[in-house]
Amino acid sequence: MNMNETLPLIASLGAGLTAGVCFAFASFLMPAFDRLGARQAIRVMQSINAGILRSSAIVIWFATAPLGVAAAVFAEDHVMASAAAGLYVVGALLVTGRGNVPLNEALDGFSRELHDAEAAWRRYRVRWGRWNLLRTALLAGAAFGFALAA
């Protein structure tokens, strides 16, 4: 196996793993948080947000972007690999940075004494969930595109 095939496969794996993290949130984590009640859900999400940047998942999340660009350069199917790289960058970096991260930062500033937890969680949950579904679809599409380009 040469670099033309290896880089898209590695990028596909990275994109698939990041899509899986997002899918896990959409499919069972956020519904589980809802069952905990708003105050507990907020505390759990705040804890996740505090730890995510120190996790191994974040390494894969950010390393896949340059791997995807390299795959687009070296893959035999430049068009497919470029499209996949574009989907990945938009989903992992743009949607996350412009959609989910600002919502996470606002949630991190939540004060139980000053706010209604139910309303705050509901508002966060709906908006964050929409952004998460968008990035999940983009990341899954990127994983598929990289696999096709391999």
C-alpha atoms as a PDB file:
ATOM      1  CA  MET A   1       0.000   0.000   0.000  1.00  0.00           C
ATOM      2  CA  ASN A   2       1.414   3.387  -0.986  1.00  0.00           C
ATOM      3  CA  MET A   3       0.861   6.906   0.366  1.00  0.00           C
ATOM      4  CA  ASN A   4      -1.835   7.560  -2.268  1.00  0.00           C
ATOM      5  CA  GLU A   5      -3.949   4.879  -0.584  1.00  0.00           C
ATOM      6  CA  THR A   6      -2.685   5.104   3.000  1.00  0.00           C
ATOM      7  CA  LEU A   7      -3.367   8.790   3.671  1.00  0.00           C
ATOM      8  CA  PRO A   8      -7.037   8.661   2.607  1.00  0.00           C
ATOM      9  CA  LEU A   9      -7.537   5.521   4.704  1.00  0.00           C
ATOM     10  CA  ILE A  10      -5.992   7.139   7.784  1.00  0.00           C
ATOM     11  CA  ALA A  11      -8.066  10.283   7.190  1.00  0.00           C
ATOM     12  CA  SER A  12     -11.162   8.092   6.802  1.00  0.00           C
ATOM     13  CA  LEU A  13     -10.440   6.466  10.126  1.00  0.00           C
ATOM     14  CA  GLY A  14      -9.934   9.832  11.843  1.00  0.00           C
ATOM     15  CA  ALA A  15     -13.090  11.284  10.316  1.00  0.00           C
ATOM     16  CA  GLY A  16     -15.022   8.156  11.233  1.00  0.00           C
ATOM     17  CA  LEU A  17     -13.858   8.310  14.828  1.00  0.00           C
ATOM     18  CA  THR A  18     -14.803  11.979  15.167  1.00  0.00           C
ATOM     19  CA  ALA A  19     -18.164  11.329  13.506  1.00  0.00           C
ATOM     20  CA  GLY A  20     -18.652   8.500  15.997  1.00  0.00           C
ATOM     21  CA  VAL A  21     -18.049  10.800  18.945  1.00  0.00           C
ATOM     22  CA  CYS A  22     -20.635  13.237  17.607  1.00  0.00           C
ATOM     23  CA  PHE A  23     -23.059  10.426  16.791  1.00  0.00           C
ATOM     24  CA  ALA A  24     -22.725   9.074  20.331  1.00  0.00           C
ATOM     25  CA  PHE A  25     -23.765  12.462  21.687  1.00  0.00           C
ATOM     26  CA  ALA A  26     -26.757  12.648  19.339  1.00  0.00           C
ATOM     27  CA  SER A  27     -27.941   9.087  19.746  1.00  0.00           C
ATOM     28  CA  PHE A  28     -27.604   8.319  23.441  1.00  0.00           C
ATOM     29  CA  LEU A  29     -25.514  10.747  25.496  1.00  0.00           C
ATOM     30  CA  MET A  30     -27.701  13.844  25.212  1.00  0.00           C
ATOM     31  CA  PRO A  31     -30.904  11.819  25.808  1.00  0.00           C
ATOM     32  CA  ALA A  32     -29.216  10.314  28.881  1.00  0.00           C
ATOM     33  CA  PHE A  33     -28.307  13.797  30.113  1.00  0.00           C
ATOM     34  CA  ASP A  34     -31.953  14.829  29.637  1.00  0.00           C
ATOM     35  CA  ARG A  35     -33.031  11.976  31.935  1.00  0.00           C
ATOM     36  CA  LEU A  36     -30.706  13.293  34.652  1.00  0.00           C
ATOM     37  CA  GLY A  37     -32.571  16.574  34.886  1.00  0.00           C
ATOM     38  CA  ALA A  38     -31.400  20.004  33.828  1.00  0.00           C
ATOM     39  CA  ARG A  39     -29.085  20.854  36.730  1.00  0.00           C
ATOM     40  CA  GLN A  40     -27.248  17.544  36.577  1.00  0.00           C
ATOM     41  CA  ALA A  41     -27.146  17.587  32.757  1.00  0.00           C
ATOM     42  CA  ILE A  42     -25.545  21.020  32.827  1.00  0.00           C
ATOM     43  CA  ARG A  43     -22.946  19.879  35.366  1.00  0.00           C
ATOM     44  CA  VAL A  44     -22.101  16.772  33.320  1.00  0.00           C
ATOM     45  CA  MET A  45     -21.768  18.767  30.098  1.00  0.00           C
ATOM     46  CA  GLN A  46     -19.620  21.353  31.872  1.00  0.00           C
ATOM     47  CA  SER A  47     -17.383  18.520  33.077  1.00  0.00           C
ATOM     48  CA  ILE A  48     -17.102  17.068  29.577  1.00  0.00           C
ATOM     49  CA  ASN A  49     -16.295  20.495  28.142  1.00  0.00           C
ATOM     50  CA  ALA A  50     -13.602  21.009  30.779  1.00  0.00           C
ATOM     51  CA  GLY A  51     -11.934  17.692  29.958  1.00  0.00           C
ATOM     52  CA  ILE A  52     -12.344  17.344  26.208  1.00  0.00           C
ATOM     53  CA  LEU A  53      -9.336  19.457  25.306  1.00  0.00           C
ATOM     54  CA  ARG A  54      -7.105  17.149  27.347  1.00  0.00           C
ATOM     55  CA  SER A  55      -8.451  13.956  25.806  1.00  0.00           C
ATOM     56  CA  SER A  56      -6.966  11.676  23.181  1.00  0.00           C
ATOM     57  CA  ALA A  57     -10.073  12.295  21.075  1.00  0.00           C
ATOM     58  CA  ILE A  58      -9.082  15.914  20.536  1.00  0.00           C
ATOM     59  CA  VAL A  59      -5.735  14.833  19.076  1.00  0.00           C
ATOM     60  CA  ILE A  60      -7.541  12.762  16.455  1.00  0.00           C
ATOM     61  CA  TRP A  61     -10.082  15.567  15.940  1.00  0.00           C
ATOM     62  CA  PHE A  62      -7.424  18.134  15.024  1.00  0.00           C
ATOM     63  CA  ALA A  63      -4.856  15.812  13.401  1.00  0.00           C
ATOM     64  CA  THR A  64      -7.403  14.577  10.865  1.00  0.00           C
ATOM     65  CA  ALA A  65      -7.697  18.024   9.245  1.00  0.00           C
ATOM     66  CA  PRO A  66      -4.079  18.202   8.006  1.00  0.00           C
ATOM     67  CA  LEU A  67      -4.129  14.478   7.238  1.00  0.00           C
ATOM     68  CA  GLY A  68      -7.198  15.074   5.115  1.00  0.00           C
ATOM     69  CA  VAL A  69      -5.536  17.922   3.253  1.00  0.00           C
ATOM     70  CA  ALA A  70      -2.470  15.719   2.664  1.00  0.00           C
ATOM     71  CA  ALA A  71      -4.768  12.958   1.427  1.00  0.00           C
ATOM     72  CA  ALA A  72      -6.330  15.420  -1.009  1.00  0.00           C
ATOM     73  CA  VAL A  73      -2.871  16.270  -2.352  1.00  0.00           C
ATOM     74  CA  PHE A  74      -1.591  12.708  -2.685  1.00  0.00           C
ATOM     75  CA  ALA A  75      -4.697  10.609  -3.382  1.00  0.00           C
ATOM     76  CA  GLU A  76      -5.227   9.350  -6.884  1.00  0.00           C
ATOM     77  CA  ASP A  77      -8.823  10.584  -6.686  1.00  0.00           C
ATOM     78  CA  HIS A  78      -8.021  14.216  -5.879  1.00  0.00           C
ATOM     79  CA  VAL A  79     -11.595  15.373  -6.395  1.00  0.00           C
ATOM     80  CA  MET A  80     -13.097  12.902  -3.929  1.00  0.00           C
ATOM     81  CA  ALA A  81     -10.330  13.404  -1.355  1.00  0.00           C
ATOM     82  CA  SER A  82     -10.600  17.186  -1.688  1.00  0.00           C
ATOM     83  CA  ALA A  83     -14.363  17.048  -1.199  1.00  0.00           C
ATOM     84  CA  ALA A  84     -13.871  14.828   1.852  1.00  0.00           C
ATOM     85  CA  ALA A  85     -11.235  17.175   3.271  1.00  0.00           C
ATOM     86  CA  GLY A  86     -13.584  20.100   2.748  1.00  0.00           C
ATOM     87  CA  LEU A  87     -16.426  18.303   4.530  1.00  0.00           C
ATOM     88  CA  TYR A  88     -14.115  17.449   7.399  1.00  0.00           C
ATOM     89  CA  VAL A  89     -12.754  20.960   7.834  1.00  0.00           C
ATOM     90  CA  VAL A  90     -16.233  22.494   7.668  1.00  0.00           C
ATOM     91  CA  GLY A  91     -17.696  19.954  10.116  1.00  0.00           C
ATOM     92  CA  ALA A  92     -14.864  19.531  12.590  1.00  0.00           C
ATOM     93  CA  LEU A  93     -13.523  23.055  12.650  1.00  0.00           C
ATOM     94  CA  LEU A  94     -16.046  25.550  11.292  1.00  0.00           C
ATOM     95  CA  VAL A  95     -19.322  24.106  12.606  1.00  0.00           C
ATOM     96  CA  THR A  96     -17.749  23.149  15.918  1.00  0.00           C
ATOM     97  CA  GLY A  97     -15.947  26.461  16.316  1.00  0.00           C
ATOM     98  CA  ARG A  98     -18.857  28.669  15.273  1.00  0.00           C
ATOM     99  CA  GLY A  99     -21.727  26.558  16.604  1.00  0.00           C
ATOM    100  CA  ASN A 100     -20.958  24.147  19.408  1.00  0.00           C
ATOM    101  CA  VAL A 101     -18.010  25.832  21.138  1.00  0.00           C
ATOM    102  CA  PRO A 102     -19.761  29.186  21.760  1.00  0.00           C
ATOM    103  CA  LEU A 103     -22.724  27.303  23.212  1.00  0.00           C
ATOM    104  CA  ASN A 104     -20.368  25.277  25.413  1.00  0.00           C
ATOM    105  CA  GLU A 105     -18.670  28.451  26.603  1.00  0.00           C
ATOM    106  CA  ALA A 106     -22.023  30.017  27.449  1.00  0.00           C
ATOM    107  CA  LEU A 107     -23.050  26.873  29.332  1.00  0.00           C
ATOM    108  CA  ASP A 108     -19.780  26.930  31.250  1.00  0.00           C
ATOM    109  CA  GLY A 109     -20.777  30.355  32.569  1.00  0.00           C
ATOM    110  CA  PHE A 110     -24.129  29.074  33.830  1.00  0.00           C
ATOM    111  CA  SER A 111     -24.775  29.968  37.449  1.00  0.00           C
ATOM    112  CA  ARG A 112     -27.380  27.922  39.293  1.00  0.00           C
ATOM    113  CA  GLU A 113     -28.288  30.817  41.537  1.00  0.00           C
ATOM    114  CA  LEU A 114     -28.951  33.280  38.740  1.00  0.00           C
ATOM    115  CA  HIS A 115     -30.595  31.192  36.043  1.00  0.00           C
ATOM    116  CA  ASP A 116     -33.471  28.821  35.490  1.00  0.00           C
ATOM    117  CA  ALA A 117     -31.729  25.503  34.824  1.00  0.00           C
ATOM    118  CA  GLU A 118     -34.630  23.971  32.884  1.00  0.00           C
ATOM    119  CA  ALA A 119     -34.843  26.863  30.424  1.00  0.00           C
ATOM    120  CA  ALA A 120     -31.060  27.121  30.088  1.00  0.00           C
ATOM    121  CA  TRP A 121     -30.651  23.383  29.388  1.00  0.00           C
ATOM    122  CA  ARG A 122     -33.560  23.255  26.961  1.00  0.00           C
ATOM    123  CA  ARG A 123     -32.211  26.231  24.988  1.00  0.00           C
ATOM    124  CA  TYR A 124     -28.669  24.816  24.979  1.00  0.00           C
ATOM    125  CA  ARG A 125     -29.819  21.288  24.156  1.00  0.00           C
ATOM    126  CA  VAL A 126     -31.863  22.287  21.113  1.00  0.00           C
ATOM    127  CA  ARG A 127     -29.286  24.639  19.596  1.00  0.00           C
ATOM    128  CA  TRP A 128     -26.272  22.454  20.425  1.00  0.00           C
ATOM    129  CA  GLY A 129     -28.085  19.386  19.102  1.00  0.00           C
ATOM    130  CA  ARG A 130     -28.781  21.008  15.734  1.00  0.00           C
ATOM    131  CA  TRP A 131     -25.143  21.991  15.294  1.00  0.00           C
ATOM    132  CA  ASN A 132     -24.054  18.535  16.410  1.00  0.00           C
ATOM    133  CA  LEU A 133     -26.304  16.786  13.885  1.00  0.00           C
ATOM    134  CA  LEU A 134     -24.897  18.971  11.112  1.00  0.00           C
ATOM    135  CA  ARG A 135     -21.296  18.215  12.028  1.00  0.00           C
ATOM    136  CA  THR A 136     -22.067  14.511  12.478  1.00  0.00           C
ATOM    137  CA  ALA A 137     -23.406  14.345   8.921  1.00  0.00           C
ATOM    138  CA  LEU A 138     -20.445  16.312   7.540  1.00  0.00           C
ATOM    139  CA  LEU A 139     -17.894  14.154   9.376  1.00  0.00           C
ATOM    140  CA  ALA A 140     -19.582  10.913   8.308  1.00  0.00           C
ATOM    141  CA  GLY A 141     -19.619  12.193   4.726  1.00  0.00           C
ATOM    142  CA  ALA A 142     -15.920  13.007   5.021  1.00  0.00           C
ATOM    143  CA  ALA A 143     -15.138   9.512   6.311  1.00  0.00           C
ATOM    144  CA  PHE A 144     -17.028   7.989   3.395  1.00  0.00           C
ATOM    145  CA  GLY A 145     -15.369  10.297   0.876  1.00  0.00           C
ATOM    146  CA  PHE A 146     -11.870   9.514   2.153  1.00  0.00           C
ATOM    147  CA  ALA A 147     -12.646   5.792   1.994  1.00  0.00           C
ATOM    148  CA  LEU A 148     -13.789   6.141  -1.614  1.00  0.00           C
ATOM    149  CA  ALA A 149     -10.636   8.097  -2.466  1.00  0.00           C
ATOM    150  CA  ALA A 150      -8.342   5.383  -1.073  1.00  0.00           C
END
